[in-house]
Amino acid sequence: MPKPKAIPTAAEFRLLEILWRLGEGTIEDFLGASGKEGPLNYKTVQTVLRIMENKKFVSHSIRGRAFVYRPRVQRSEVSRSSLRSLLDRYFRGSRSELLINLLENERIDNAELQELERLIRSYRRAGISGRQK
């Protein structure tokens, strides 16, 4: 799957989440799978999927009279690109600044802090960084 060149909008990400869950789907499948976030509009889904296809987030094939959409990007690729964009845009590329902001402004209980410390120690021991993966 190619790496995303753009970051999905909130509406595009919502449709990608449905598509990742389903594997593939028609517009009717999207409407049926919209869940507790509220119903989707047929024409809106159709328009957003067309935009997503231009951005290379999805592709389609034709089954009968219906377009069947499939993801062209993986969740992990979108997560990495979105995080990189967030870091660059709001934290001048500083992972430390992001982490400090999280620690100072979010409620993180002791159990979660201990888990984060354990993960950092584990990554440090293994010599793993994002660039080596």
N, C-alpha and C. Protein backbone atom coordinates (compact mmCIF):
# COMPACT_ATOMS: atom_id res chain seq x y z
N MET A 1 0.84 -1.19 0.00
CA MET A 1 0.00 0.00 0.00
C MET A 1 0.88 1.24 0.00
N PRO A 2 0.57 2.23 -0.83
CA PRO A 2 1.39 3.45 -0.87
C PRO A 2 1.20 4.28 0.39
N LYS A 3 2.23 5.06 0.72
CA LYS A 3 2.13 5.94 1.88
C LYS A 3 1.23 7.11 1.55
N PRO A 4 0.41 7.53 2.51
CA PRO A 4 -0.47 8.67 2.23
C PRO A 4 0.34 9.94 2.04
N LYS A 5 -0.02 10.72 1.04
CA LYS A 5 0.66 11.98 0.78
C LYS A 5 -0.04 13.12 1.52
N ALA A 6 -1.25 12.90 1.93
CA ALA A 6 -2.03 13.91 2.63
C ALA A 6 -2.54 13.29 3.93
N ILE A 7 -2.97 14.14 4.82
CA ILE A 7 -3.56 13.69 6.07
C ILE A 7 -5.08 13.71 5.89
N PRO A 8 -5.76 12.61 6.22
CA PRO A 8 -7.22 12.60 6.04
C PRO A 8 -7.91 13.62 6.95
N THR A 9 -8.96 14.21 6.41
CA THR A 9 -9.82 15.08 7.22
C THR A 9 -10.58 14.21 8.20
N ALA A 10 -11.30 14.82 9.12
CA ALA A 10 -12.09 14.05 10.09
C ALA A 10 -13.12 13.18 9.38
N ALA A 11 -13.78 13.71 8.36
CA ALA A 11 -14.79 12.93 7.62
C ALA A 11 -14.14 11.77 6.87
N GLU A 12 -12.98 12.02 6.27
CA GLU A 12 -12.28 10.96 5.56
C GLU A 12 -11.81 9.89 6.52
N PHE A 13 -11.30 10.30 7.67
CA PHE A 13 -10.82 9.33 8.65
C PHE A 13 -11.98 8.46 9.16
N ARG A 14 -13.12 9.06 9.36
CA ARG A 14 -14.30 8.28 9.80
C ARG A 14 -14.62 7.19 8.78
N LEU A 15 -14.59 7.53 7.50
CA LEU A 15 -14.86 6.53 6.46
C LEU A 15 -13.74 5.50 6.37
N LEU A 16 -12.50 5.93 6.56
CA LEU A 16 -11.39 4.97 6.57
C LEU A 16 -11.53 3.98 7.72
N GLU A 17 -11.93 4.46 8.89
CA GLU A 17 -12.12 3.55 10.03
C GLU A 17 -13.18 2.49 9.71
N ILE A 18 -14.25 2.90 9.08
CA ILE A 18 -15.29 1.94 8.69
C ILE A 18 -14.71 0.95 7.69
N LEU A 19 -13.98 1.45 6.71
CA LEU A 19 -13.41 0.60 5.67
C LEU A 19 -12.37 -0.36 6.23
N TRP A 20 -11.54 0.09 7.15
CA TRP A 20 -10.57 -0.82 7.77
C TRP A 20 -11.29 -1.92 8.53
N ARG A 21 -12.39 -1.59 9.16
CA ARG A 21 -13.16 -2.58 9.90
C ARG A 21 -13.83 -3.58 8.97
N LEU A 22 -14.39 -3.08 7.85
CA LEU A 22 -15.11 -3.95 6.92
C LEU A 22 -14.19 -4.67 5.93
N GLY A 23 -13.07 -4.07 5.61
CA GLY A 23 -12.19 -4.63 4.59
C GLY A 23 -12.49 -4.08 3.21
N GLU A 24 -13.75 -4.02 2.88
CA GLU A 24 -14.25 -3.41 1.65
C GLU A 24 -15.72 -3.10 1.85
N GLY A 25 -16.26 -2.21 1.02
CA GLY A 25 -17.68 -1.91 1.19
C GLY A 25 -18.22 -0.96 0.15
N THR A 26 -19.52 -1.08 -0.04
CA THR A 26 -20.27 -0.17 -0.90
C THR A 26 -20.73 1.01 -0.06
N ILE A 27 -21.28 2.00 -0.70
CA ILE A 27 -21.81 3.14 0.05
C ILE A 27 -22.88 2.67 1.02
N GLU A 28 -23.70 1.73 0.59
CA GLU A 28 -24.73 1.17 1.49
C GLU A 28 -24.09 0.53 2.73
N ASP A 29 -22.94 -0.14 2.55
CA ASP A 29 -22.24 -0.74 3.68
C ASP A 29 -21.76 0.34 4.65
N PHE A 30 -21.27 1.46 4.10
CA PHE A 30 -20.85 2.58 4.96
C PHE A 30 -22.03 3.10 5.77
N LEU A 31 -23.16 3.26 5.11
CA LEU A 31 -24.34 3.79 5.80
C LEU A 31 -24.78 2.86 6.92
N GLY A 32 -24.72 1.56 6.66
CA GLY A 32 -25.11 0.58 7.67
C GLY A 32 -24.12 0.45 8.82
N ALA A 33 -22.88 0.80 8.58
CA ALA A 33 -21.83 0.62 9.58
C ALA A 33 -21.49 1.91 10.31
N SER A 34 -22.26 2.97 10.11
CA SER A 34 -21.90 4.26 10.68
C SER A 34 -21.93 4.26 12.21
N GLY A 35 -22.69 3.37 12.82
CA GLY A 35 -22.64 3.19 14.27
C GLY A 35 -23.16 4.35 15.07
N LYS A 36 -22.62 4.46 16.29
CA LYS A 36 -23.12 5.43 17.27
C LYS A 36 -22.71 6.86 17.00
N GLU A 37 -21.82 7.08 16.03
CA GLU A 37 -21.41 8.45 15.72
C GLU A 37 -22.47 9.22 14.94
N GLY A 38 -23.55 8.55 14.61
CA GLY A 38 -24.62 9.21 13.88
C GLY A 38 -24.69 8.74 12.44
N PRO A 39 -25.84 8.90 11.85
CA PRO A 39 -26.03 8.41 10.48
C PRO A 39 -25.24 9.23 9.47
N LEU A 40 -24.89 8.56 8.39
CA LEU A 40 -24.20 9.20 7.28
C LEU A 40 -25.19 9.49 6.17
N ASN A 41 -24.88 10.49 5.36
CA ASN A 41 -25.71 10.86 4.22
C ASN A 41 -25.11 10.22 2.96
N TYR A 42 -25.94 9.60 2.14
CA TYR A 42 -25.50 8.88 0.95
C TYR A 42 -24.65 9.77 0.04
N LYS A 43 -25.15 10.92 -0.33
CA LYS A 43 -24.45 11.82 -1.25
C LYS A 43 -23.13 12.33 -0.65
N THR A 44 -23.14 12.60 0.65
CA THR A 44 -21.92 13.06 1.31
C THR A 44 -20.86 11.97 1.28
N VAL A 45 -21.25 10.74 1.61
CA VAL A 45 -20.31 9.61 1.58
C VAL A 45 -19.76 9.44 0.17
N GLN A 46 -20.62 9.52 -0.82
CA GLN A 46 -20.22 9.38 -2.22
C GLN A 46 -19.18 10.46 -2.59
N THR A 47 -19.43 11.69 -2.20
CA THR A 47 -18.52 12.79 -2.50
C THR A 47 -17.19 12.62 -1.78
N VAL A 48 -17.24 12.29 -0.50
CA VAL A 48 -16.01 12.13 0.27
C VAL A 48 -15.18 10.96 -0.27
N LEU A 49 -15.83 9.88 -0.64
CA LEU A 49 -15.10 8.74 -1.21
C LEU A 49 -14.43 9.11 -2.53
N ARG A 50 -15.08 9.93 -3.33
CA ARG A 50 -14.48 10.38 -4.59
C ARG A 50 -13.22 11.21 -4.31
N ILE A 51 -13.31 12.09 -3.32
CA ILE A 51 -12.15 12.89 -2.92
C ILE A 51 -11.04 11.98 -2.39
N MET A 52 -11.42 10.99 -1.58
CA MET A 52 -10.45 10.07 -1.01
C MET A 52 -9.76 9.24 -2.09
N GLU A 53 -10.49 8.94 -3.14
CA GLU A 53 -9.90 8.19 -4.24
C GLU A 53 -8.87 9.05 -4.96
N ASN A 54 -9.16 10.33 -5.14
CA ASN A 54 -8.19 11.25 -5.76
C ASN A 54 -6.93 11.40 -4.91
N LYS A 55 -7.10 11.32 -3.59
CA LYS A 55 -5.96 11.41 -2.68
C LYS A 55 -5.24 10.08 -2.51
N LYS A 56 -5.74 9.04 -3.16
CA LYS A 56 -5.16 7.69 -3.11
C LYS A 56 -5.32 7.02 -1.75
N PHE A 57 -6.36 7.40 -1.00
CA PHE A 57 -6.66 6.73 0.26
C PHE A 57 -7.46 5.46 0.02
N VAL A 58 -8.28 5.46 -1.03
CA VAL A 58 -9.13 4.30 -1.36
C VAL A 58 -9.08 4.05 -2.86
N SER A 59 -9.51 2.86 -3.22
CA SER A 59 -9.72 2.54 -4.64
C SER A 59 -11.08 1.85 -4.73
N HIS A 60 -11.58 1.68 -5.94
CA HIS A 60 -12.85 0.99 -6.07
C HIS A 60 -12.83 0.04 -7.26
N SER A 61 -13.71 -0.93 -7.18
CA SER A 61 -14.00 -1.79 -8.32
C SER A 61 -15.53 -1.78 -8.45
N ILE A 62 -16.00 -2.31 -9.55
CA ILE A 62 -17.46 -2.32 -9.77
C ILE A 62 -17.96 -3.74 -9.63
N ARG A 63 -18.98 -3.89 -8.81
CA ARG A 63 -19.65 -5.18 -8.62
C ARG A 63 -21.13 -4.96 -8.95
N GLY A 64 -21.54 -5.47 -10.10
CA GLY A 64 -22.90 -5.18 -10.56
C GLY A 64 -22.98 -3.71 -10.88
N ARG A 65 -23.89 -3.03 -10.20
CA ARG A 65 -24.02 -1.58 -10.40
C ARG A 65 -23.38 -0.78 -9.28
N ALA A 66 -22.83 -1.48 -8.29
CA ALA A 66 -22.30 -0.80 -7.11
C ALA A 66 -20.78 -0.66 -7.17
N PHE A 67 -20.28 0.47 -6.68
CA PHE A 67 -18.84 0.66 -6.49
C PHE A 67 -18.48 0.01 -5.16
N VAL A 68 -17.45 -0.82 -5.17
CA VAL A 68 -16.96 -1.46 -3.95
C VAL A 68 -15.60 -0.83 -3.63
N TYR A 69 -15.52 -0.19 -2.47
CA TYR A 69 -14.32 0.55 -2.07
C TYR A 69 -13.43 -0.30 -1.18
N ARG A 70 -12.12 -0.11 -1.35
CA ARG A 70 -11.12 -0.79 -0.53
C ARG A 70 -10.10 0.25 -0.09
N PRO A 71 -9.51 0.07 1.11
CA PRO A 71 -8.48 1.02 1.54
C PRO A 71 -7.19 0.81 0.76
N ARG A 72 -6.52 1.90 0.46
CA ARG A 72 -5.19 1.84 -0.17
C ARG A 72 -4.10 2.20 0.83
N VAL A 73 -4.51 2.62 2.01
CA VAL A 73 -3.56 2.96 3.07
C VAL A 73 -3.91 2.16 4.32
N GLN A 74 -2.89 1.86 5.09
CA GLN A 74 -3.10 1.15 6.34
C GLN A 74 -3.25 2.15 7.48
N ARG A 75 -3.92 1.70 8.53
CA ARG A 75 -4.11 2.55 9.71
C ARG A 75 -2.76 3.05 10.24
N SER A 76 -1.77 2.16 10.30
CA SER A 76 -0.46 2.54 10.85
C SER A 76 0.19 3.64 10.01
N GLU A 77 0.03 3.61 8.69
CA GLU A 77 0.59 4.66 7.83
C GLU A 77 -0.07 6.00 8.10
N VAL A 78 -1.39 5.98 8.24
CA VAL A 78 -2.13 7.21 8.50
C VAL A 78 -1.76 7.76 9.88
N SER A 79 -1.62 6.86 10.86
CA SER A 79 -1.23 7.29 12.21
C SER A 79 0.14 7.94 12.20
N ARG A 80 1.10 7.32 11.53
CA ARG A 80 2.45 7.88 11.46
C ARG A 80 2.45 9.24 10.78
N SER A 81 1.77 9.34 9.64
CA SER A 81 1.73 10.61 8.91
C SER A 81 1.03 11.70 9.72
N SER A 82 -0.05 11.33 10.40
CA SER A 82 -0.80 12.29 11.21
C SER A 82 0.04 12.77 12.39
N LEU A 83 0.73 11.84 13.03
CA LEU A 83 1.57 12.21 14.16
C LEU A 83 2.72 13.10 13.71
N ARG A 84 3.33 12.77 12.58
CA ARG A 84 4.42 13.59 12.05
C ARG A 84 3.91 15.00 11.75
N SER A 85 2.73 15.09 11.17
CA SER A 85 2.14 16.39 10.86
C SER A 85 1.87 17.17 12.15
N LEU A 86 1.31 16.52 13.15
CA LEU A 86 1.04 17.15 14.45
C LEU A 86 2.34 17.66 15.07
N LEU A 87 3.37 16.81 15.08
CA LEU A 87 4.66 17.22 15.64
C LEU A 87 5.23 18.44 14.92
N ASP A 88 5.22 18.38 13.59
CA ASP A 88 5.80 19.47 12.81
C ASP A 88 5.00 20.76 12.94
N ARG A 89 3.69 20.63 12.91
CA ARG A 89 2.84 21.81 12.91
C ARG A 89 2.75 22.50 14.26
N TYR A 90 2.61 21.72 15.34
CA TYR A 90 2.33 22.33 16.64
C TYR A 90 3.47 22.25 17.65
N PHE A 91 4.45 21.39 17.40
CA PHE A 91 5.53 21.21 18.37
C PHE A 91 6.92 21.36 17.75
N ARG A 92 7.00 22.02 16.60
CA ARG A 92 8.27 22.28 15.92
C ARG A 92 9.10 21.01 15.75
N GLY A 93 8.41 19.88 15.59
CA GLY A 93 9.10 18.60 15.39
C GLY A 93 9.64 17.97 16.65
N SER A 94 9.39 18.57 17.80
CA SER A 94 9.95 18.10 19.07
C SER A 94 9.05 17.07 19.74
N ARG A 95 9.52 15.84 19.80
CA ARG A 95 8.78 14.79 20.51
C ARG A 95 8.75 15.09 22.00
N SER A 96 9.84 15.67 22.51
CA SER A 96 9.91 16.01 23.94
C SER A 96 8.85 17.05 24.30
N GLU A 97 8.70 18.06 23.43
CA GLU A 97 7.70 19.09 23.69
C GLU A 97 6.29 18.50 23.69
N LEU A 98 6.03 17.57 22.78
CA LEU A 98 4.73 16.89 22.75
C LEU A 98 4.51 16.13 24.05
N LEU A 99 5.50 15.36 24.48
CA LEU A 99 5.37 14.57 25.69
C LEU A 99 5.19 15.45 26.93
N ILE A 100 5.95 16.52 27.01
CA ILE A 100 5.81 17.45 28.15
C ILE A 100 4.41 18.03 28.16
N ASN A 101 3.89 18.39 26.98
CA ASN A 101 2.54 18.93 26.89
C ASN A 101 1.52 17.90 27.38
N LEU A 102 1.69 16.66 26.98
CA LEU A 102 0.77 15.61 27.44
C LEU A 102 0.84 15.45 28.95
N LEU A 103 2.05 15.39 29.48
CA LEU A 103 2.22 15.20 30.92
C LEU A 103 1.66 16.36 31.73
N GLU A 104 1.81 17.58 31.22
CA GLU A 104 1.35 18.75 31.96
C GLU A 104 -0.14 19.03 31.81
N ASN A 105 -0.73 18.61 30.69
CA ASN A 105 -2.09 19.04 30.40
C ASN A 105 -3.12 17.91 30.33
N GLU A 106 -2.70 16.68 30.46
CA GLU A 106 -3.64 15.56 30.40
C GLU A 106 -3.62 14.80 31.72
N ARG A 107 -4.74 14.21 32.04
CA ARG A 107 -4.81 13.39 33.24
C ARG A 107 -4.26 12.01 32.91
N ILE A 108 -3.12 11.69 33.48
CA ILE A 108 -2.51 10.38 33.28
C ILE A 108 -2.34 9.77 34.67
N ASP A 109 -3.04 8.66 34.91
CA ASP A 109 -2.97 8.06 36.24
C ASP A 109 -1.64 7.32 36.43
N ASN A 110 -1.37 6.94 37.67
CA ASN A 110 -0.10 6.30 38.00
C ASN A 110 0.13 5.01 37.22
N ALA A 111 -0.90 4.22 37.03
CA ALA A 111 -0.75 2.96 36.29
C ALA A 111 -0.30 3.22 34.85
N GLU A 112 -0.89 4.23 34.24
CA GLU A 112 -0.50 4.55 32.86
C GLU A 112 0.91 5.14 32.81
N LEU A 113 1.26 5.97 33.78
CA LEU A 113 2.62 6.50 33.84
C LEU A 113 3.64 5.37 34.00
N GLN A 114 3.32 4.41 34.86
CA GLN A 114 4.22 3.27 35.05
C GLN A 114 4.35 2.46 33.76
N GLU A 115 3.27 2.29 33.04
CA GLU A 115 3.31 1.57 31.77
C GLU A 115 4.16 2.32 30.75
N LEU A 116 4.03 3.64 30.70
CA LEU A 116 4.85 4.45 29.80
C LEU A 116 6.33 4.34 30.17
N GLU A 117 6.63 4.39 31.46
CA GLU A 117 8.02 4.23 31.91
C GLU A 117 8.56 2.86 31.52
N ARG A 118 7.75 1.82 31.69
CA ARG A 118 8.16 0.46 31.33
C ARG A 118 8.44 0.37 29.83
N LEU A 119 7.57 0.98 29.02
CA LEU A 119 7.76 0.95 27.57
C LEU A 119 9.04 1.69 27.17
N ILE A 120 9.29 2.83 27.77
CA ILE A 120 10.51 3.59 27.46
C ILE A 120 11.74 2.77 27.82
N ARG A 121 11.75 2.16 29.01
CA ARG A 121 12.89 1.30 29.40
C ARG A 121 13.07 0.15 28.43
N SER A 122 11.97 -0.46 28.04
CA SER A 122 12.01 -1.59 27.11
C SER A 122 12.56 -1.18 25.76
N TYR A 123 12.11 -0.05 25.24
CA TYR A 123 12.61 0.45 23.95
C TYR A 123 14.08 0.82 24.05
N ARG A 124 14.46 1.43 25.17
CA ARG A 124 15.86 1.82 25.35
C ARG A 124 16.76 0.58 25.38
N ARG A 125 16.35 -0.45 26.13
CA ARG A 125 17.14 -1.69 26.22
C ARG A 125 17.28 -2.36 24.86
N ALA A 126 16.19 -2.37 24.11
CA ALA A 126 16.19 -3.04 22.81
C ALA A 126 16.86 -2.18 21.72
N GLY A 127 17.12 -0.91 22.02
CA GLY A 127 17.72 -0.03 21.04
C GLY A 127 16.78 0.29 19.90
N ILE A 128 15.48 0.28 20.19
CA ILE A 128 14.48 0.50 19.15
C ILE A 128 14.12 1.98 19.12
N SER A 129 14.07 2.52 17.91
CA SER A 129 13.54 3.87 17.72
C SER A 129 12.64 3.83 16.51
N GLY A 130 11.86 4.87 16.33
CA GLY A 130 10.93 4.94 15.20
C GLY A 130 11.62 4.82 13.86
N ARG A 131 12.86 5.27 13.76
CA ARG A 131 13.58 5.22 12.48
C ARG A 131 14.09 3.82 12.16
N GLN A 132 14.24 2.97 13.18
CA GLN A 132 14.78 1.64 12.95
C GLN A 132 13.71 0.64 12.60
N LYS A 133 12.45 0.95 12.86
CA LYS A 133 11.37 -0.01 12.61
C LYS A 133 11.15 -0.21 11.15
